[in-house]
């Protein structure tokens, strides 16, 4: 740590580097009394002082400044220690980050049959986020077997008994969660298990069997086939993971209106073991798992879905109250548990990406977070199974595809909203391009569909209507106008919609660069008039056990399970 003995008046202190950390030697020099003399003899080093004395250059007999030298060495060692500490902390942080990444188990997003089209960005360049959350009933570990099931279930293909789609709006101002009951009969596409290459043919059976027919990717493919919603990622957790996560959060409040004791009953085997007195309780660990698994005491799978939604809302409120995303220590503990508990699709298989997802959800207000169960009807083949309710389920999926809020207040506001703006141009002055998007449902496109609808428009006075040779894709018909055209563009689009007897909901704003475009969707393959919505399905959210994030609520307990 020595310095040059060459005098240099007005020169800047030299800077040394250690591990890219620089410091100024001047910080460790003695005070002016020990500064170098003009002749260079007082260089602050004892040996140099003695050498100066032997040559007659400098004052003889000057006392040695041992205290100053000791102080200088202490400061230098302190600086070195600090540098090592900083570098060590950085290395530890990197190792910790790699450790968390190593915890994560990853899998393929799709099992080979992902068919939905990714949602186009809105006028601001934003896209919605869709994540499929899966709860596995696998007993293929000692931990999971202890928490539920019998030894006979070990080795059996896992079932996806919990399936929820989390939709976060493009502007990140609202979010929705939709559950599909495990006993819903659906069309499952052909899937291939990415781990062993085993192929499974397409079939029609219960949706919870998808997990054993190609893993989470097959569950995702089935959801896309059913809903037409592009799903960005999936996340999966098993029994043990739920317990660990519940403990890491520190518990969440749940409420029952009556005592609950979910144990086996005559002719009704099984039960979660949940035992609570009437009122509010903070559950965690195994008790949280019991709450999430309770079915009989909440009367049905639909009651169980509602209880799961209540628990999820409570967990989110708990994390927000704890300010968990800003508390470094708290966040590290949650990250350790989450990365061990979750299995995720490979494109979000890093701690940073999971953290970014969490931060996007963090900003959604609780009163703009709505959870519900898919509208359904009893399966005519088996009264214990259900089917998506015709019309109502389709309209729900369309709301999600169109990135529409499921919040009751937002929906009521949109119904009352009156269109205002400048008058539309004369029909003959409005140019519109018609695109054939009828192949979005996986079927072959209807031949010359764009030309047929173009002719309908011309007959209505829109003589500038033209067709595009580029194929489109839309499950439901869309009429888009460029953002740059503003209110006038919207008015022109609405005039076309009115002339064609289309609802105003088909009109959407598109990024600049696009033209006024009518994409004929799979919902209008044939015919000269736009199809009308089913009259008996005016509200797709009716009877869906909807739960709002700002409300806690209490579960009703089925009377046979109220005795403690």
Protein backbone atom coordinates (compact mmCIF):
# COMPACT_ATOMS: atom_id res chain seq x y z
CA UNK A 1 0.00 0.00 0.00
CA UNK A 2 3.05 2.30 -0.39
CA UNK A 3 3.08 5.35 -2.64
CA UNK A 4 5.62 7.00 -4.90
CA UNK A 5 8.42 8.95 -3.18
CA UNK A 6 8.55 11.37 -6.09
CA UNK A 7 7.19 14.76 -4.99
CA UNK A 8 4.41 16.14 -7.14
CA UNK A 9 2.81 19.39 -6.11
CA UNK A 10 -0.80 19.68 -7.26
CA UNK A 11 -1.02 16.04 -8.36
CA UNK A 12 -4.25 14.10 -7.64
CA UNK A 13 -4.12 11.25 -5.13
CA UNK A 14 -3.57 7.93 -6.80
CA UNK A 15 -6.41 5.38 -6.80
CA UNK A 16 -5.83 1.67 -6.27
CA UNK A 17 -8.27 -1.06 -7.26
CA UNK A 18 -9.21 -4.27 -5.49
CA UNK A 19 -11.89 -6.39 -7.01
CA UNK A 20 -13.09 -3.33 -9.00
CA UNK A 21 -13.44 -1.34 -5.75
CA UNK A 22 -11.18 1.76 -5.75
CA UNK A 23 -9.96 3.79 -2.84
CA UNK A 24 -7.70 6.82 -2.38
CA UNK A 25 -4.35 6.30 -0.65
CA UNK A 26 -4.72 9.78 0.76
CA UNK A 27 -7.41 8.42 3.06
CA UNK A 28 -4.72 6.53 4.97
CA UNK A 29 -1.90 9.20 5.03
CA UNK A 30 -0.66 10.77 8.25
CA UNK A 31 -1.62 14.33 9.00
CA UNK A 32 0.42 17.33 7.83
CA UNK A 33 3.03 16.82 10.54
CA UNK A 34 3.94 13.52 8.91
CA UNK A 35 3.65 14.63 5.31
CA UNK A 36 6.65 14.25 2.99
CA UNK A 37 9.26 17.01 3.30
CA UNK A 38 10.27 18.88 0.12
CA UNK A 39 13.42 16.83 -0.03
CA UNK A 40 11.48 13.58 0.01
CA UNK A 41 12.85 12.36 3.35
CA UNK A 42 9.58 12.38 5.22
CA UNK A 43 7.82 9.68 3.20
CA UNK A 44 5.88 8.35 6.17
CA UNK A 45 7.88 5.11 6.35
CA UNK A 46 10.32 4.51 9.26
CA UNK A 47 13.04 2.95 7.11
CA UNK A 48 12.93 5.83 4.67
CA UNK A 49 13.27 8.30 7.53
CA UNK A 50 16.37 6.52 8.73
CA UNK A 51 17.79 6.46 5.21
CA UNK A 52 17.24 10.23 4.95
CA UNK A 53 19.14 10.71 8.22
CA UNK A 54 22.15 8.70 7.05
CA UNK A 55 22.48 10.92 3.99
CA UNK A 56 22.15 14.11 5.89
CA UNK A 57 18.99 15.08 4.12
CA UNK A 58 16.32 15.91 6.72
CA UNK A 59 16.08 16.49 10.39
CA UNK A 60 18.12 14.17 12.61
CA UNK A 61 16.74 12.55 15.69
CA UNK A 62 13.06 12.97 14.72
CA UNK A 63 10.85 10.72 16.90
CA UNK A 64 9.11 7.77 15.12
CA UNK A 65 5.34 8.15 14.71
CA UNK A 66 4.38 4.56 15.58
CA UNK A 67 0.79 5.52 16.54
CA UNK A 68 0.09 7.02 13.14
CA UNK A 69 1.56 4.03 11.30
CA UNK A 70 -0.59 1.66 13.39
CA UNK A 71 -3.68 3.69 12.63
CA UNK A 72 -2.80 3.64 8.92
CA UNK A 73 -2.42 -0.16 8.92
CA UNK A 74 -5.74 -0.59 10.76
CA UNK A 75 -7.53 1.56 8.22
CA UNK A 76 -6.00 -0.36 5.36
CA UNK A 77 -7.00 -3.70 6.85
CA UNK A 78 -10.50 -2.33 7.50
CA UNK A 79 -10.81 -1.29 3.86
CA UNK A 80 -9.56 -4.68 2.68
CA UNK A 81 -12.01 -6.45 4.99
CA UNK A 82 -14.85 -4.29 3.70
CA UNK A 83 -13.93 -5.14 0.11
CA UNK A 84 -13.87 -8.85 0.92
CA UNK A 85 -17.21 -8.52 2.71
CA UNK A 86 -18.83 -6.76 -0.26
CA UNK A 87 -17.45 -9.26 -2.74
CA UNK A 88 -18.42 -12.13 -0.46
CA UNK A 89 -21.93 -10.79 -0.10
CA UNK A 90 -22.25 -10.45 -3.86
CA UNK A 91 -20.99 -14.00 -4.32
CA UNK A 92 -23.37 -15.26 -1.64
CA UNK A 93 -26.25 -13.42 -3.34
CA UNK A 94 -25.39 -15.05 -6.66
CA UNK A 95 -25.13 -18.49 -5.06
CA UNK A 96 -28.45 -17.93 -3.28
CA UNK A 97 -30.08 -16.94 -6.58
CA UNK A 98 -28.67 -20.03 -8.28
CA UNK A 99 -29.79 -22.13 -5.31
CA UNK A 100 -33.39 -20.89 -5.71
CA UNK A 101 -33.29 -21.53 -9.45
CA UNK A 102 -32.03 -25.02 -8.71
CA UNK A 103 -35.03 -25.64 -6.48
CA UNK A 104 -37.49 -25.04 -9.31
CA UNK A 105 -38.87 -28.03 -11.20
CA UNK A 106 -39.74 -27.19 -14.79
CA UNK A 107 -41.77 -28.79 -17.55
CA UNK A 108 -42.92 -28.15 -21.12
CA UNK A 109 -45.67 -25.57 -21.51
CA UNK A 110 -47.66 -27.76 -23.94
CA UNK A 111 -48.06 -31.47 -24.62
CA UNK A 112 -48.02 -30.81 -28.36
CA UNK A 113 -51.52 -29.55 -29.05
CA UNK A 114 -51.60 -25.92 -27.96
CA UNK A 115 -54.01 -24.36 -30.43
CA UNK A 116 -55.13 -20.95 -29.12
CA UNK A 117 -53.79 -17.76 -30.63
CA UNK A 118 -51.87 -15.37 -28.38
CA UNK A 119 -53.83 -12.19 -27.72
CA UNK A 120 -52.69 -9.23 -29.79
CA UNK A 121 -51.40 -6.19 -27.87
CA UNK A 122 -53.88 -3.42 -27.15
CA UNK A 123 -53.39 0.09 -28.46
CA UNK A 124 -50.85 0.76 -25.67
CA UNK A 125 -48.83 -2.34 -26.59
CA UNK A 126 -49.96 -4.28 -23.50
CA UNK A 127 -51.11 -7.91 -23.44
CA UNK A 128 -53.12 -9.79 -20.82
CA UNK A 129 -51.53 -12.53 -18.72
CA UNK A 130 -53.10 -15.98 -18.37
CA UNK A 131 -51.72 -18.58 -15.95
CA UNK A 132 -53.19 -22.05 -15.39
CA UNK A 133 -52.87 -23.10 -11.73
CA UNK A 134 -53.05 -26.85 -11.10
CA UNK A 135 -53.38 -28.79 -7.86
CA UNK A 136 -52.16 -32.39 -8.15
CA UNK A 137 -53.52 -35.19 -5.97
CA UNK A 138 -50.37 -37.29 -6.48
CA UNK A 139 -49.56 -39.61 -3.56
CA UNK A 140 -46.25 -40.69 -5.09
CA UNK A 141 -44.14 -39.39 -2.22
CA UNK A 142 -44.03 -40.12 1.51
CA UNK A 143 -44.96 -36.53 2.32
CA UNK A 144 -48.05 -36.56 0.10
CA UNK A 145 -49.14 -40.01 1.28
CA UNK A 146 -49.09 -38.85 4.90
CA UNK A 147 -51.36 -35.94 4.02
CA UNK A 148 -54.06 -37.90 2.22
CA UNK A 149 -54.96 -41.04 0.32
CA UNK A 150 -54.22 -44.72 0.72
CA UNK A 151 -51.17 -46.80 -0.14
CA UNK A 152 -53.13 -48.33 -3.02
CA UNK A 153 -53.02 -44.93 -4.75
CA UNK A 154 -49.20 -44.91 -4.88
CA UNK A 155 -47.99 -45.24 -8.45
CA UNK A 156 -51.32 -44.28 -10.01
CA UNK A 157 -51.37 -41.45 -12.57
CA UNK A 158 -51.92 -38.13 -10.80
CA UNK A 159 -55.22 -36.29 -11.18
CA UNK A 160 -55.55 -32.52 -11.60
CA UNK A 161 -58.24 -32.13 -8.97
CA UNK A 162 -57.83 -28.33 -8.77
CA UNK A 163 -57.72 -26.27 -11.96
CA UNK A 164 -57.95 -22.49 -12.04
CA UNK A 165 -57.22 -19.96 -14.77
CA UNK A 166 -55.77 -16.68 -13.50
CA UNK A 167 -56.40 -13.84 -15.95
CA UNK A 168 -54.67 -10.49 -15.34
CA UNK A 169 -55.85 -7.68 -17.61
CA UNK A 170 -53.49 -6.07 -20.09
CA UNK A 171 -53.47 -2.82 -18.11
CA UNK A 172 -52.98 -4.80 -14.85
CA UNK A 173 -55.97 -3.04 -13.27
CA UNK A 174 -58.14 -6.13 -12.69
CA UNK A 175 -57.80 -9.89 -12.38
CA UNK A 176 -60.11 -12.88 -12.59
CA UNK A 177 -59.83 -16.51 -11.49
CA UNK A 178 -62.10 -19.13 -13.06
CA UNK A 179 -62.22 -22.70 -11.74
CA UNK A 180 -63.40 -25.73 -13.69
CA UNK A 181 -64.78 -28.55 -11.48
CA UNK A 182 -62.67 -31.70 -11.57
CA UNK A 183 -65.64 -33.83 -12.74
CA UNK A 184 -66.30 -31.77 -15.89
CA UNK A 185 -66.48 -33.90 -19.06
CA UNK A 186 -64.60 -32.27 -21.93
CA UNK A 187 -62.83 -33.05 -25.19
CA UNK A 188 -59.15 -33.74 -24.46
CA UNK A 189 -56.81 -33.35 -27.47
CA UNK A 190 -54.08 -35.79 -28.38
CA UNK A 191 -51.15 -35.32 -25.98
CA UNK A 192 -47.58 -36.55 -25.71
CA UNK A 193 -45.82 -36.94 -22.38
CA UNK A 194 -42.56 -34.97 -22.76
CA UNK A 195 -40.84 -37.05 -20.08
CA UNK A 196 -41.23 -40.50 -21.67
CA UNK A 197 -42.55 -39.78 -25.17
CA UNK A 198 -45.76 -41.75 -24.57
CA UNK A 199 -48.61 -40.62 -26.82
CA UNK A 200 -52.24 -40.42 -25.81
CA UNK A 201 -55.05 -40.20 -28.39
CA UNK A 202 -57.77 -37.57 -28.23
CA UNK A 203 -60.67 -38.55 -26.01
CA UNK A 204 -63.77 -37.27 -24.24
CA UNK A 205 -63.59 -37.73 -20.48
CA UNK A 206 -63.18 -35.90 -17.16
CA UNK A 207 -60.84 -32.94 -17.21
CA UNK A 208 -58.92 -34.04 -14.10
CA UNK A 209 -57.51 -37.00 -16.07
CA UNK A 210 -55.48 -34.65 -18.31
CA UNK A 211 -52.56 -34.60 -15.86
CA UNK A 212 -52.02 -38.33 -16.31
CA UNK A 213 -52.22 -38.07 -20.10
CA UNK A 214 -49.14 -35.95 -20.77
CA UNK A 215 -48.57 -33.86 -17.66
CA UNK A 216 -49.52 -30.22 -17.00
CA UNK A 217 -48.97 -29.42 -20.68
CA UNK A 218 -51.91 -31.65 -21.59
CA UNK A 219 -54.08 -29.89 -19.02
CA UNK A 220 -53.11 -26.55 -20.60
CA UNK A 221 -53.87 -27.84 -24.12
CA UNK A 222 -57.31 -29.03 -22.97
CA UNK A 223 -58.14 -25.65 -21.45
CA UNK A 224 -57.11 -23.88 -24.67
CA UNK A 225 -59.26 -26.23 -26.75
CA UNK A 226 -62.25 -25.65 -24.46
CA UNK A 227 -61.94 -21.89 -23.96
CA UNK A 228 -60.02 -20.52 -26.92
CA UNK A 229 -57.95 -18.53 -24.41
CA UNK A 230 -54.19 -18.49 -24.99
CA UNK A 231 -52.51 -19.57 -21.74
CA UNK A 232 -49.02 -18.17 -21.19
CA UNK A 233 -47.86 -20.43 -18.35
CA UNK A 234 -48.84 -23.13 -15.89
CA UNK A 235 -47.94 -23.66 -12.24
CA UNK A 236 -48.54 -26.87 -10.28
CA UNK A 237 -48.43 -27.73 -6.58
CA UNK A 238 -49.06 -30.96 -4.66
CA UNK A 239 -50.35 -31.63 -1.11
CA UNK A 240 -46.97 -31.17 0.57
CA UNK A 241 -46.36 -27.96 -1.38
CA UNK A 242 -49.68 -26.50 -0.21
CA UNK A 243 -48.77 -27.24 3.42
CA UNK A 244 -45.31 -25.69 3.10
CA UNK A 245 -46.61 -22.60 1.34
CA UNK A 246 -49.37 -22.13 3.93
CA UNK A 247 -46.76 -22.27 6.70
CA UNK A 248 -44.47 -19.84 4.87
CA UNK A 249 -47.24 -17.26 4.53
CA UNK A 250 -47.99 -17.62 8.24
CA UNK A 251 -51.63 -18.57 7.87
CA UNK A 252 -54.74 -17.04 6.33
CA UNK A 253 -58.14 -16.23 7.77
CA UNK A 254 -61.12 -18.43 6.83
CA UNK A 255 -64.65 -18.41 8.20
CA UNK A 256 -67.50 -20.91 8.64
CA UNK A 257 -71.04 -19.98 9.66
CA UNK A 258 -71.49 -23.21 11.65
CA UNK A 259 -69.23 -25.77 13.29
CA UNK A 260 -67.60 -28.06 10.75
CA UNK A 261 -66.32 -31.62 11.20
CA UNK A 262 -65.54 -33.15 7.80
CA UNK A 263 -65.23 -36.86 8.63
CA UNK A 264 -66.57 -40.04 6.94
CA UNK A 265 -70.31 -40.62 7.18
CA UNK A 266 -72.46 -43.71 6.52
CA UNK A 267 -72.42 -44.34 2.75
CA UNK A 268 -70.17 -41.27 2.31
CA UNK A 269 -66.54 -42.35 2.78
CA UNK A 270 -63.60 -40.00 2.93
CA UNK A 271 -63.35 -36.52 4.30
CA UNK A 272 -60.65 -33.91 4.72
CA UNK A 273 -60.57 -34.04 8.53
CA UNK A 274 -61.26 -30.30 8.81
CA UNK A 275 -62.57 -29.46 12.28
CA UNK A 276 -63.42 -25.84 13.18
CA UNK A 277 -65.90 -24.07 15.39
CA UNK A 278 -68.20 -21.44 13.90
CA UNK A 279 -66.44 -18.15 13.21
CA UNK A 280 -63.14 -16.93 11.79
CA UNK A 281 -59.90 -18.89 12.16
CA UNK A 282 -56.36 -18.47 10.87
CA UNK A 283 -55.40 -21.75 9.22
CA UNK A 284 -51.98 -22.86 8.03
CA UNK A 285 -50.03 -26.02 7.34
CA UNK A 286 -52.05 -29.23 7.31
CA UNK A 287 -55.20 -27.41 8.42
CA UNK A 288 -54.99 -25.14 5.36
CA UNK A 289 -54.78 -28.24 3.15
CA UNK A 290 -57.84 -29.66 4.91
CA UNK A 291 -59.75 -26.45 4.16
CA UNK A 292 -58.78 -26.59 0.49
CA UNK A 293 -59.74 -30.28 0.20
CA UNK A 294 -63.09 -30.10 2.04
CA UNK A 295 -65.87 -31.14 -0.30
CA UNK A 296 -68.63 -33.00 1.56
CA UNK A 297 -68.96 -30.47 4.38
CA UNK A 298 -69.25 -27.66 1.81
CA UNK A 299 -71.86 -29.79 0.01
CA UNK A 300 -70.15 -30.22 -3.38
CA UNK A 301 -67.13 -29.58 -5.58
CA UNK A 302 -68.66 -26.17 -6.31
CA UNK A 303 -68.67 -25.33 -2.61
CA UNK A 304 -65.08 -26.50 -2.40
CA UNK A 305 -64.11 -24.19 -5.28
CA UNK A 306 -65.73 -21.26 -3.48
CA UNK A 307 -63.82 -22.11 -0.28
CA UNK A 308 -60.59 -22.29 -2.28
CA UNK A 309 -61.26 -18.86 -3.77
CA UNK A 310 -61.91 -17.42 -0.31
CA UNK A 311 -58.62 -18.88 0.91
CA UNK A 312 -56.68 -17.47 -2.07
CA UNK A 313 -58.12 -14.02 -1.51
CA UNK A 314 -57.21 -14.24 2.16
CA UNK A 315 -53.62 -15.24 1.34
CA UNK A 316 -53.24 -12.31 -1.07
CA UNK A 317 -54.63 -9.89 1.52
CA UNK A 318 -52.25 -11.36 4.11
CA UNK A 319 -49.22 -10.88 1.86
CA UNK A 320 -50.24 -7.31 1.05
CA UNK A 321 -50.75 -6.55 4.74
CA UNK A 322 -47.30 -7.97 5.49
CA UNK A 323 -45.81 -5.89 2.65
CA UNK A 324 -44.06 -9.12 1.73
CA UNK A 325 -42.80 -7.88 -1.64
CA UNK A 326 -40.88 -5.03 0.00
CA UNK A 327 -39.48 -6.91 3.01
CA UNK A 328 -36.24 -8.54 1.82
CA UNK A 329 -36.04 -11.08 4.63
CA UNK A 330 -39.68 -12.03 4.27
CA UNK A 331 -39.33 -12.30 0.52
CA UNK A 332 -36.31 -14.59 0.78
CA UNK A 333 -38.18 -16.97 3.06
CA UNK A 334 -41.18 -17.08 0.76
CA UNK A 335 -38.93 -17.55 -2.28
CA UNK A 336 -37.18 -20.52 -0.67
CA UNK A 337 -40.48 -22.26 0.05
CA UNK A 338 -42.16 -21.34 -3.23
CA UNK A 339 -39.31 -22.59 -5.41
CA UNK A 340 -39.32 -25.92 -3.56
CA UNK A 341 -43.10 -26.27 -3.67
CA UNK A 342 -43.92 -25.22 -7.22
CA UNK A 343 -43.45 -26.88 -10.56
CA UNK A 344 -43.70 -24.40 -13.45
CA UNK A 345 -43.65 -24.28 -17.23
CA UNK A 346 -40.12 -23.83 -18.48
CA UNK A 347 -40.48 -20.32 -19.92
CA UNK A 348 -41.00 -18.93 -16.39
CA UNK A 349 -38.52 -21.31 -14.78
CA UNK A 350 -36.41 -18.69 -13.00
CA UNK A 351 -36.73 -16.78 -9.76
CA UNK A 352 -36.60 -13.43 -11.55
CA UNK A 353 -39.47 -14.30 -13.88
CA UNK A 354 -41.60 -15.61 -11.02
CA UNK A 355 -40.85 -12.46 -9.03
CA UNK A 356 -41.82 -10.29 -12.01
CA UNK A 357 -45.12 -12.19 -12.28
CA UNK A 358 -45.80 -11.62 -8.60
CA UNK A 359 -45.09 -7.91 -8.91
CA UNK A 360 -47.56 -7.62 -11.78
CA UNK A 361 -50.30 -9.21 -9.69
CA UNK A 362 -49.36 -7.17 -6.62
CA UNK A 363 -50.68 -3.96 -8.13
CA UNK A 364 -54.21 -5.25 -8.78
CA UNK A 365 -56.64 -3.78 -6.19
CA UNK A 366 -58.40 -6.41 -4.10
CA UNK A 367 -61.85 -5.12 -5.08
CA UNK A 368 -60.91 -5.67 -8.73
CA UNK A 369 -60.03 -9.33 -8.17
CA UNK A 370 -62.95 -11.67 -8.83
CA UNK A 371 -63.05 -15.46 -8.58
CA UNK A 372 -65.79 -17.82 -9.76
CA UNK A 373 -66.59 -21.32 -11.01
CA UNK A 374 -67.48 -22.11 -14.62
CA UNK A 375 -71.22 -22.11 -15.45
CA UNK A 376 -72.26 -25.74 -15.90
CA UNK A 377 -75.12 -28.21 -16.30
CA UNK A 378 -75.50 -31.81 -15.16
CA UNK A 379 -74.01 -34.38 -17.54
CA UNK A 380 -76.77 -36.43 -19.15
CA UNK A 381 -74.46 -39.47 -19.08
CA UNK A 382 -73.72 -39.31 -15.36
CA UNK A 383 -75.49 -37.13 -12.80
CA UNK A 384 -72.27 -36.94 -10.76
CA UNK A 385 -70.50 -35.18 -13.63
CA UNK A 386 -71.05 -31.79 -15.27
CA UNK A 387 -70.70 -30.14 -18.67
CA UNK A 388 -69.91 -26.51 -19.54
CA UNK A 389 -73.25 -24.69 -19.77
CA UNK A 390 -73.99 -24.01 -23.45
CA UNK A 391 -74.02 -20.31 -24.25
CA UNK A 392 -73.14 -19.10 -20.75
CA UNK A 393 -69.72 -20.79 -20.62
CA UNK A 394 -68.97 -19.66 -24.16
CA UNK A 395 -69.80 -16.07 -23.26
CA UNK A 396 -67.57 -16.28 -20.16
CA UNK A 397 -64.62 -17.49 -22.25
CA UNK A 398 -65.30 -14.69 -24.75
CA UNK A 399 -65.12 -12.11 -21.95
CA UNK A 400 -61.69 -13.44 -20.95
CA UNK A 401 -60.45 -13.64 -24.55
CA UNK A 402 -61.56 -10.04 -25.04
CA UNK A 403 -59.84 -9.00 -21.79
CA UNK A 404 -63.11 -7.79 -20.26
CA UNK A 405 -63.37 -7.26 -16.51
CA UNK A 406 -65.57 -9.73 -14.60
CA UNK A 407 -66.03 -7.21 -11.81
CA UNK A 408 -69.79 -6.64 -11.30
CA UNK A 409 -69.35 -2.86 -11.01
CA UNK A 410 -67.33 -2.66 -14.21
CA UNK A 411 -69.85 -4.79 -16.08
CA UNK A 412 -72.78 -2.70 -14.85
CA UNK A 413 -70.95 0.48 -15.84
CA UNK A 414 -70.26 -0.87 -19.33
CA UNK A 415 -73.94 -1.75 -19.82
CA UNK A 416 -75.03 1.80 -18.93
CA UNK A 417 -72.31 3.42 -20.97
CA UNK A 418 -73.65 5.27 -24.00
CA UNK A 419 -71.62 5.69 -27.11
CA UNK A 420 -70.68 9.33 -27.75
CA UNK A 421 -68.49 10.94 -30.31
CA UNK A 422 -68.51 12.50 -33.75
CA UNK A 423 -71.00 11.42 -36.36
CA UNK A 424 -69.91 8.51 -38.52
CA UNK A 425 -68.91 9.17 -42.09
CA UNK A 426 -71.22 8.32 -44.98
CA UNK A 427 -71.17 4.53 -45.64
CA UNK A 428 -69.72 5.03 -49.12
CA UNK A 429 -66.77 6.98 -47.62
CA UNK A 430 -65.75 4.33 -45.09
CA UNK A 431 -63.11 1.85 -46.20
CA UNK A 432 -63.12 -1.54 -44.45
CA UNK A 433 -61.11 -4.70 -45.08
CA UNK A 434 -62.80 -8.08 -44.53
CA UNK A 435 -60.68 -11.02 -43.36
CA UNK A 436 -61.66 -14.70 -43.19
CA UNK A 437 -60.84 -15.84 -39.64
CA UNK A 438 -63.23 -18.80 -39.47
CA UNK A 439 -60.46 -21.40 -39.00
CA UNK A 440 -59.73 -20.32 -35.39
CA UNK A 441 -61.71 -23.26 -33.98
CA UNK A 442 -59.44 -25.81 -35.67
CA UNK A 443 -61.78 -26.58 -38.54
CA UNK A 444 -61.09 -25.79 -42.18
CA UNK A 445 -61.96 -22.17 -43.04
CA UNK A 446 -65.24 -21.50 -44.81
CA UNK A 447 -64.51 -20.95 -48.48
CA UNK A 448 -64.82 -17.38 -49.80
CA UNK A 449 -66.27 -16.21 -46.48
CA UNK A 450 -64.53 -12.82 -46.64
CA UNK A 451 -65.92 -12.21 -50.13
CA UNK A 452 -69.44 -13.13 -49.04
CA UNK A 453 -69.40 -10.70 -46.09
CA UNK A 454 -67.83 -8.00 -48.28
CA UNK A 455 -70.79 -8.28 -50.63
CA UNK A 456 -73.17 -7.93 -47.66
CA UNK A 457 -71.39 -4.71 -46.65
CA UNK A 458 -71.56 -3.31 -50.17
CA UNK A 459 -75.28 -4.03 -50.24
CA UNK A 460 -75.59 -1.92 -47.07
CA UNK A 461 -73.91 1.04 -48.79
CA UNK A 462 -70.28 0.41 -47.72
CA UNK A 463 -69.09 0.31 -51.31
CA UNK A 464 -65.41 0.69 -50.36
CA UNK A 465 -65.41 -2.69 -48.60
CA UNK A 466 -62.58 -4.97 -49.81
CA UNK A 467 -61.10 -8.34 -48.89
CA UNK A 468 -57.66 -9.47 -47.76
CA UNK A 469 -55.96 -12.62 -49.03
CA UNK A 470 -54.15 -13.02 -45.71
CA UNK A 471 -55.90 -15.55 -43.45
CA UNK A 472 -57.08 -14.36 -40.07
CA UNK A 473 -58.01 -16.13 -36.86
CA UNK A 474 -60.85 -15.22 -34.53
CA UNK A 475 -63.16 -17.43 -32.52
CA UNK A 476 -65.61 -14.53 -32.33
CA UNK A 477 -66.07 -11.87 -35.00
CA UNK A 478 -64.12 -8.64 -34.42
CA UNK A 479 -64.32 -5.16 -35.92
CA UNK A 480 -61.12 -3.22 -35.16
CA UNK A 481 -60.15 0.37 -35.86
CA UNK A 482 -56.65 1.96 -35.57
CA UNK A 483 -55.87 3.91 -32.43
CA UNK A 484 -54.71 6.89 -34.48
CA UNK A 485 -58.20 7.31 -35.94
CA UNK A 486 -59.50 8.11 -32.46
CA UNK A 487 -63.18 8.84 -31.82
CA UNK A 488 -63.92 9.18 -35.52
CA UNK A 489 -62.56 5.70 -36.21
CA UNK A 490 -64.69 4.23 -33.43
CA UNK A 491 -67.81 5.99 -34.73
CA UNK A 492 -67.20 4.63 -38.24
CA UNK A 493 -66.70 1.12 -36.86
CA UNK A 494 -69.88 1.35 -34.79
CA UNK A 495 -71.84 2.41 -37.85
CA UNK A 496 -70.73 -0.77 -39.62
CA UNK A 497 -71.60 -2.88 -36.58
CA UNK A 498 -75.08 -1.34 -36.43
CA UNK A 499 -75.68 -1.86 -40.13
CA UNK A 500 -74.72 -5.55 -39.80
CA UNK A 501 -76.79 -6.04 -36.59
CA UNK A 502 -73.66 -6.73 -34.53
CA UNK A 503 -73.34 -5.78 -30.85
CA UNK A 504 -71.05 -2.86 -30.03
CA UNK A 505 -68.84 -5.30 -28.10
CA UNK A 506 -67.32 -6.53 -31.38
CA UNK A 507 -65.72 -3.08 -31.89
CA UNK A 508 -62.18 -2.82 -30.51
CA UNK A 509 -59.26 -0.43 -30.74
CA UNK A 510 -56.14 -1.76 -32.49
CA UNK A 511 -52.51 -0.53 -32.64
CA UNK A 512 -51.61 2.12 -35.17
CA UNK A 513 -50.72 0.82 -38.60
CA UNK A 514 -53.84 -1.32 -38.90
CA UNK A 515 -56.83 -0.31 -40.98
CA UNK A 516 -60.53 -0.61 -40.21
CA UNK A 517 -60.85 -4.40 -40.36
CA UNK A 518 -63.75 -6.85 -40.00
CA UNK A 519 -62.43 -10.32 -39.11
CA UNK A 520 -65.18 -12.89 -39.60
CA UNK A 521 -64.83 -15.41 -36.77
CA UNK A 522 -65.67 -19.07 -36.26
CA UNK A 523 -68.96 -17.96 -34.71
CA UNK A 524 -70.20 -16.73 -38.11
CA UNK A 525 -69.18 -19.43 -40.56
CA UNK A 526 -72.31 -19.22 -42.69
CA UNK A 527 -75.39 -17.11 -43.24
CA UNK A 528 -76.18 -13.55 -44.20
CA UNK A 529 -77.14 -12.31 -40.72
CA UNK A 530 -74.96 -12.11 -37.65
CA UNK A 531 -75.83 -14.85 -35.10
CA UNK A 532 -77.77 -13.73 -32.06
CA UNK A 533 -76.71 -14.62 -28.52
CA UNK A 534 -78.89 -17.14 -26.69
CA UNK A 535 -81.67 -15.28 -24.91
CA UNK A 536 -81.57 -17.48 -21.79
CA UNK A 537 -77.86 -16.82 -21.18
CA UNK A 538 -77.86 -13.06 -20.70
CA UNK A 539 -75.46 -13.22 -17.74
CA UNK A 540 -72.65 -15.81 -17.88
CA UNK A 541 -71.70 -15.06 -14.25
CA UNK A 542 -75.05 -16.09 -12.77
CA UNK A 543 -74.80 -19.09 -10.43
CA UNK A 544 -70.98 -19.24 -10.53
CA UNK A 545 -70.26 -18.86 -6.78
CA UNK A 546 -68.50 -15.56 -7.48
CA UNK A 547 -66.21 -14.17 -4.75
CA UNK A 548 -64.79 -10.64 -4.70
CA UNK A 549 -61.28 -10.13 -3.32
CA UNK A 550 -62.30 -7.26 -1.04
CA UNK A 551 -64.88 -9.38 0.79
CA UNK A 552 -63.97 -12.12 3.26
CA UNK A 553 -67.29 -13.99 3.63
CA UNK A 554 -68.14 -17.22 5.49
CA UNK A 555 -68.85 -20.72 4.21
CA UNK A 556 -72.13 -22.50 4.91
CA UNK A 557 -71.62 -25.98 6.33
CA UNK A 558 -73.83 -28.86 5.11
CA UNK A 559 -75.95 -29.93 8.11
CA UNK A 560 -74.66 -33.55 8.53
CA UNK A 561 -71.15 -32.16 9.14
CA UNK A 562 -71.95 -29.59 11.82
CA UNK A 563 -71.57 -31.88 14.84
CA UNK A 564 -68.21 -31.58 16.61
